[in-house]
Amino acid sequence: MATPTDHPIPTSPLEDSPAENETAAPQPTFVKLAMRNMVYQGSKSIFHFALTTVGLLGLLVGLAFITR
């Protein structure tokens, strides 16, 4: 039968042991991940950026036309 000291329950799921923190590489920031994705998927990123820009401009022009 296992005693409570055999398997300690972590107080937080995000808690890391000191050994893991020393050997693990630092996590890349979201900006670095976004830049890497833009390099790997360049045409898709440009298409989505253009689609968002056209949609936002269309929304603004439409609202300006309606509320004039």
Foldseek 3Di string as FASTA:
>chain_A
DDDCVVDPDDPDPPDDDPVCVVPDDDDDDPVVVVVVVCVVVVVVVVVVVVVVVVVVVVVVVVVVVVVD
